[in-house]
Amino acid sequence: SNTNMIPVIKMSEMLEMSPTKLRYWSKLLNLKIIKKGRISYIAESSKNLLFEMKKSVSSGLSPSVASKEVLSTYASVVTKEVAAPAKNDRIDNLEKAVMLLVESNKKLSEENRMILKKLNHLSGNLLSSKPVSPKKIEVWKPSPKPEIKIPFLKRLFLELFAPEQLRMHSI
């Protein structure tokens, strides 16, 4: 698609203007500038449109007004010429994208097959193993307190006048 594309710098030299002005006018005229690597390209067919734009601006019109005038007069001829290569590039890009998707889909399906094999192997191992009977768990219980026999009257006296002694001995 580079056969009808010219580097922006060469086009600006042909039209005797700066590359910056050419880019600005291209934007006003809705012309596509394609950047490949470090070089920007513009369609060869847009030369006439840019030349007419240069004439209009040199006659005293502002670039925005001149672009509208030039577009209304010459745009239908140029857009037909420029549209075909853009469509071809777009189709090529879409084809590449589809091929990348197909390749990634193949890789993912292969990964899925490997994971499925591992899963089947592990589930087979789990199902074939013998069930383990749970061990009996003994719950902790505190040791029983020794019973200390205290006569009734002494116990009554301790409860009324010295309860801390009862607590000390856990009676």
C-alpha atoms as a PDB file:
ATOM      1  CA  SER A   1       0.000   0.000   0.000  1.00  0.00           C
ATOM      2  CA  ASN A   2       3.063   2.299  -0.068  1.00  0.00           C
ATOM      3  CA  THR A   3       2.858   2.601  -3.886  1.00  0.00           C
ATOM      4  CA  ASN A   4       0.413   5.521  -3.767  1.00  0.00           C
ATOM      5  CA  MET A   5       1.625   6.917  -0.447  1.00  0.00           C
ATOM      6  CA  ILE A   6       4.224   9.687  -0.186  1.00  0.00           C
ATOM      7  CA  PRO A   7       6.178  10.676   2.923  1.00  0.00           C
ATOM      8  CA  VAL A   8       4.809  13.869   4.473  1.00  0.00           C
ATOM      9  CA  ILE A   9       8.217  15.564   4.235  1.00  0.00           C
ATOM     10  CA  LYS A  10       8.460  14.965   0.453  1.00  0.00           C
ATOM     11  CA  MET A  11       4.890  16.140  -0.070  1.00  0.00           C
ATOM     12  CA  SER A  12       5.613  19.325   1.900  1.00  0.00           C
ATOM     13  CA  GLU A  13       8.709  19.951  -0.266  1.00  0.00           C
ATOM     14  CA  MET A  14       6.648  19.433  -3.444  1.00  0.00           C
ATOM     15  CA  LEU A  15       4.040  21.943  -2.248  1.00  0.00           C
ATOM     16  CA  GLU A  16       6.708  24.308  -0.847  1.00  0.00           C
ATOM     17  CA  MET A  17       5.353  24.409   2.715  1.00  0.00           C
ATOM     18  CA  SER A  18       6.387  23.166   6.150  1.00  0.00           C
ATOM     19  CA  PRO A  19       5.467  19.609   7.230  1.00  0.00           C
ATOM     20  CA  THR A  20       3.672  21.085  10.257  1.00  0.00           C
ATOM     21  CA  LYS A  21       1.431  23.221   8.030  1.00  0.00           C
ATOM     22  CA  LEU A  22       0.781  20.207   5.789  1.00  0.00           C
ATOM     23  CA  ARG A  23      -0.293  18.127   8.800  1.00  0.00           C
ATOM     24  CA  TYR A  24      -2.590  20.915  10.009  1.00  0.00           C
ATOM     25  CA  TRP A  25      -4.200  21.351   6.592  1.00  0.00           C
ATOM     26  CA  SER A  26      -4.551  17.578   6.246  1.00  0.00           C
ATOM     27  CA  LYS A  27      -6.463  17.554   9.504  1.00  0.00           C
ATOM     28  CA  LEU A  28      -8.743  20.368   8.294  1.00  0.00           C
ATOM     29  CA  LEU A  29      -9.338  18.507   5.020  1.00  0.00           C
ATOM     30  CA  ASN A  30      -9.906  15.155   6.796  1.00  0.00           C
ATOM     31  CA  LEU A  31      -6.967  13.529   4.991  1.00  0.00           C
ATOM     32  CA  LYS A  32      -5.491  10.440   6.622  1.00  0.00           C
ATOM     33  CA  ILE A  33      -1.820  10.510   7.568  1.00  0.00           C
ATOM     34  CA  ILE A  34      -0.494   7.015   8.190  1.00  0.00           C
ATOM     35  CA  LYS A  35       2.573   6.546  10.352  1.00  0.00           C
ATOM     36  CA  LYS A  36       4.725   3.507   9.646  1.00  0.00           C
ATOM     37  CA  GLY A  37       7.843   3.270  11.755  1.00  0.00           C
ATOM     38  CA  ARG A  38       9.345   6.740  12.039  1.00  0.00           C
ATOM     39  CA  ILE A  39       7.890   8.071   8.754  1.00  0.00           C
ATOM     40  CA  SER A  40       4.435   9.569   8.215  1.00  0.00           C
ATOM     41  CA  TYR A  41       2.782   9.011   4.845  1.00  0.00           C
ATOM     42  CA  ILE A  42      -0.024  10.793   3.029  1.00  0.00           C
ATOM     43  CA  ALA A  43      -1.932   9.637  -0.043  1.00  0.00           C
ATOM     44  CA  GLU A  44      -0.460  10.818  -3.346  1.00  0.00           C
ATOM     45  CA  SER A  45      -3.964  11.680  -4.550  1.00  0.00           C
ATOM     46  CA  SER A  46      -4.324  14.330  -1.831  1.00  0.00           C
ATOM     47  CA  LYS A  47      -1.653  16.492  -3.529  1.00  0.00           C
ATOM     48  CA  ASN A  48      -4.205  18.271  -5.730  1.00  0.00           C
ATOM     49  CA  LEU A  49      -6.483  18.957  -2.776  1.00  0.00           C
ATOM     50  CA  LEU A  50      -3.613  20.411  -0.744  1.00  0.00           C
ATOM     51  CA  PHE A  51      -2.521  22.494  -3.765  1.00  0.00           C
ATOM     52  CA  GLU A  52      -6.028  23.978  -4.064  1.00  0.00           C
ATOM     53  CA  MET A  53      -5.963  24.648  -0.312  1.00  0.00           C
ATOM     54  CA  LYS A  54      -2.649  26.506  -0.758  1.00  0.00           C
ATOM     55  CA  LYS A  55      -4.166  28.648  -3.538  1.00  0.00           C
ATOM     56  CA  SER A  56      -7.189  29.526  -1.393  1.00  0.00           C
ATOM     57  CA  VAL A  57      -5.097  30.477   1.634  1.00  0.00           C
ATOM     58  CA  SER A  58      -2.684  32.555  -0.476  1.00  0.00           C
ATOM     59  CA  SER A  59      -5.683  34.445  -1.901  1.00  0.00           C
ATOM     60  CA  GLY A  60      -6.440  35.682   1.632  1.00  0.00           C
ATOM     61  CA  LEU A  61      -8.849  33.118   3.138  1.00  0.00           C
ATOM     62  CA  SER A  62      -8.240  31.654   6.585  1.00  0.00           C
ATOM     63  CA  PRO A  63      -7.292  27.937   6.604  1.00  0.00           C
ATOM     64  CA  SER A  64     -10.599  26.860   8.187  1.00  0.00           C
ATOM     65  CA  VAL A  65     -12.719  28.751   5.619  1.00  0.00           C
ATOM     66  CA  ALA A  66     -10.459  27.640   2.762  1.00  0.00           C
ATOM     67  CA  SER A  67     -10.739  23.993   3.858  1.00  0.00           C
ATOM     68  CA  LYS A  68     -14.554  24.141   3.783  1.00  0.00           C
ATOM     69  CA  GLU A  69     -14.496  25.714   0.327  1.00  0.00           C
ATOM     70  CA  VAL A  70     -11.990  23.202  -1.036  1.00  0.00           C
ATOM     71  CA  LEU A  71     -13.860  20.268   0.520  1.00  0.00           C
ATOM     72  CA  SER A  72     -17.160  21.349  -0.993  1.00  0.00           C
ATOM     73  CA  THR A  73     -15.549  21.690  -4.438  1.00  0.00           C
ATOM     74  CA  TYR A  74     -13.006  18.837  -4.689  1.00  0.00           C
ATOM     75  CA  ALA A  75     -13.600  16.323  -1.878  1.00  0.00           C
ATOM     76  CA  SER A  76     -15.801  13.847  -3.724  1.00  0.00           C
ATOM     77  CA  VAL A  77     -13.022  13.104  -6.232  1.00  0.00           C
ATOM     78  CA  VAL A  78     -10.308  12.557  -3.615  1.00  0.00           C
ATOM     79  CA  THR A  79     -12.213  10.454  -1.097  1.00  0.00           C
ATOM     80  CA  LYS A  80     -12.913   7.749  -3.679  1.00  0.00           C
ATOM     81  CA  GLU A  81      -9.221   7.487  -4.528  1.00  0.00           C
ATOM     82  CA  VAL A  82      -8.048   7.416  -0.896  1.00  0.00           C
ATOM     83  CA  ALA A  83     -10.713   5.026   0.438  1.00  0.00           C
ATOM     84  CA  ALA A  84      -9.578   1.857  -1.375  1.00  0.00           C
ATOM     85  CA  PRO A  85      -6.087   1.524   0.186  1.00  0.00           C
ATOM     86  CA  ALA A  86      -7.464   2.268   3.648  1.00  0.00           C
ATOM     87  CA  LYS A  87     -10.001  -0.555   3.284  1.00  0.00           C
ATOM     88  CA  ASN A  88      -7.297  -2.984   2.130  1.00  0.00           C
ATOM     89  CA  ASP A  89      -5.102  -2.091   5.108  1.00  0.00           C
ATOM     90  CA  ARG A  90      -8.032  -2.493   7.438  1.00  0.00           C
ATOM     91  CA  ILE A  91      -8.927  -5.886   5.969  1.00  0.00           C
ATOM     92  CA  ASP A  92      -5.294  -7.005   6.304  1.00  0.00           C
ATOM     93  CA  ASN A  93      -5.252  -5.895   9.939  1.00  0.00           C
ATOM     94  CA  LEU A  94      -8.524  -7.724  10.634  1.00  0.00           C
ATOM     95  CA  GLU A  95      -7.164 -10.901   9.041  1.00  0.00           C
ATOM     96  CA  LYS A  96      -4.056 -10.712  11.213  1.00  0.00           C
ATOM     97  CA  ALA A  97      -6.182 -10.174  14.320  1.00  0.00           C
ATOM     98  CA  VAL A  98      -8.366 -13.190  13.493  1.00  0.00           C
ATOM     99  CA  MET A  99      -5.298 -15.376  12.931  1.00  0.00           C
ATOM    100  CA  LEU A 100      -3.858 -14.284  16.296  1.00  0.00           C
ATOM    101  CA  LEU A 101      -7.161 -15.173  17.960  1.00  0.00           C
ATOM    102  CA  VAL A 102      -7.133 -18.610  16.320  1.00  0.00           C
ATOM    103  CA  GLU A 103      -3.577 -19.271  17.538  1.00  0.00           C
ATOM    104  CA  SER A 104      -4.368 -18.169  21.085  1.00  0.00           C
ATOM    105  CA  ASN A 105      -7.525 -20.297  21.026  1.00  0.00           C
ATOM    106  CA  LYS A 106      -5.449 -23.353  20.058  1.00  0.00           C
ATOM    107  CA  LYS A 107      -3.033 -22.711  22.923  1.00  0.00           C
ATOM    108  CA  LEU A 108      -5.875 -22.282  25.421  1.00  0.00           C
ATOM    109  CA  SER A 109      -7.641 -25.451  24.303  1.00  0.00           C
ATOM    110  CA  GLU A 110      -4.373 -27.410  24.654  1.00  0.00           C
ATOM    111  CA  GLU A 111      -3.908 -26.010  28.169  1.00  0.00           C
ATOM    112  CA  ASN A 112      -7.504 -26.991  29.001  1.00  0.00           C
ATOM    113  CA  ARG A 113      -6.836 -30.568  27.813  1.00  0.00           C
ATOM    114  CA  MET A 114      -3.750 -30.806  30.048  1.00  0.00           C
ATOM    115  CA  ILE A 115      -5.656 -29.462  33.060  1.00  0.00           C
ATOM    116  CA  LEU A 116      -8.509 -31.895  32.403  1.00  0.00           C
ATOM    117  CA  LYS A 117      -6.046 -34.821  32.300  1.00  0.00           C
ATOM    118  CA  LYS A 118      -4.557 -33.767  35.646  1.00  0.00           C
ATOM    119  CA  LEU A 119      -8.025 -33.317  37.154  1.00  0.00           C
ATOM    120  CA  ASN A 120      -9.143 -36.777  36.002  1.00  0.00           C
ATOM    121  CA  HIS A 121      -5.957 -38.303  37.421  1.00  0.00           C
ATOM    122  CA  LEU A 122      -6.421 -36.593  40.785  1.00  0.00           C
ATOM    123  CA  SER A 123     -10.117 -37.448  41.023  1.00  0.00           C
ATOM    124  CA  GLY A 124      -9.285 -41.090  40.194  1.00  0.00           C
ATOM    125  CA  ASN A 125      -6.725 -41.125  43.004  1.00  0.00           C
ATOM    126  CA  LEU A 126      -9.214 -39.677  45.448  1.00  0.00           C
ATOM    127  CA  LEU A 127     -11.967 -42.136  44.566  1.00  0.00           C
ATOM    128  CA  SER A 128      -9.712 -45.204  44.682  1.00  0.00           C
ATOM    129  CA  SER A 129      -8.189 -44.466  48.094  1.00  0.00           C
ATOM    130  CA  LYS A 130      -9.604 -46.210  51.188  1.00  0.00           C
ATOM    131  CA  PRO A 131     -11.773 -44.127  53.481  1.00  0.00           C
ATOM    132  CA  VAL A 132     -10.014 -43.174  56.703  1.00  0.00           C
ATOM    133  CA  SER A 133     -11.968 -43.763  59.905  1.00  0.00           C
ATOM    134  CA  PRO A 134     -11.871 -40.790  62.236  1.00  0.00           C
ATOM    135  CA  LYS A 135      -9.976 -41.166  65.524  1.00  0.00           C
ATOM    136  CA  LYS A 136     -11.869 -40.851  68.747  1.00  0.00           C
ATOM    137  CA  ILE A 137     -11.204 -37.556  70.473  1.00  0.00           C
ATOM    138  CA  GLU A 138     -11.147 -37.404  74.241  1.00  0.00           C
ATOM    139  CA  VAL A 139     -12.418 -34.157  75.683  1.00  0.00           C
ATOM    140  CA  TRP A 140     -10.379 -32.689  78.553  1.00  0.00           C
ATOM    141  CA  LYS A 141     -12.016 -32.811  81.953  1.00  0.00           C
ATOM    142  CA  PRO A 142     -10.591 -31.310  85.104  1.00  0.00           C
ATOM    143  CA  SER A 143      -9.564 -33.740  87.821  1.00  0.00           C
ATOM    144  CA  PRO A 144     -12.240 -34.208  90.479  1.00  0.00           C
ATOM    145  CA  LYS A 145     -11.757 -32.197  93.688  1.00  0.00           C
ATOM    146  CA  PRO A 146     -11.189 -34.135  96.833  1.00  0.00           C
ATOM    147  CA  GLU A 147     -14.070 -33.821  99.232  1.00  0.00           C
ATOM    148  CA  ILE A 148     -13.104 -32.395 102.585  1.00  0.00           C
ATOM    149  CA  LYS A 149     -15.574 -33.098 105.344  1.00  0.00           C
ATOM    150  CA  ILE A 150     -16.117 -30.226 107.741  1.00  0.00           C
ATOM    151  CA  PRO A 151     -18.553 -30.487 110.653  1.00  0.00           C
ATOM    152  CA  PHE A 152     -21.717 -28.453 110.252  1.00  0.00           C
ATOM    153  CA  LEU A 153     -21.039 -25.907 113.049  1.00  0.00           C
ATOM    154  CA  LYS A 154     -17.494 -25.240 111.910  1.00  0.00           C
ATOM    155  CA  ARG A 155     -18.679 -24.766 108.336  1.00  0.00           C
ATOM    156  CA  LEU A 156     -21.384 -22.330 109.534  1.00  0.00           C
ATOM    157  CA  PHE A 157     -18.824 -20.343 111.514  1.00  0.00           C
ATOM    158  CA  LEU A 158     -16.389 -20.201 108.541  1.00  0.00           C
ATOM    159  CA  GLU A 159     -19.137 -19.100 106.122  1.00  0.00           C
ATOM    160  CA  LEU A 160     -20.166 -16.243 108.444  1.00  0.00           C
ATOM    161  CA  PHE A 161     -16.786 -15.006 109.776  1.00  0.00           C
ATOM    162  CA  ALA A 162     -13.968 -16.320 107.522  1.00  0.00           C
ATOM    163  CA  PRO A 163     -15.268 -17.212 104.030  1.00  0.00           C
ATOM    164  CA  GLU A 164     -11.735 -16.843 102.477  1.00  0.00           C
ATOM    165  CA  GLN A 165     -10.660 -19.994 104.322  1.00  0.00           C
ATOM    166  CA  LEU A 166     -13.468 -21.916 102.637  1.00  0.00           C
ATOM    167  CA  ARG A 167     -12.313 -20.584  99.258  1.00  0.00           C
ATOM    168  CA  MET A 168      -8.695 -21.469  99.958  1.00  0.00           C
ATOM    169  CA  HIS A 169      -9.571 -25.046 100.544  1.00  0.00           C
ATOM    170  CA  SER A 170     -12.318 -25.149  97.870  1.00  0.00           C
ATOM    171  CA  ILE A 171     -14.651 -26.753 100.314  1.00  0.00           C
END
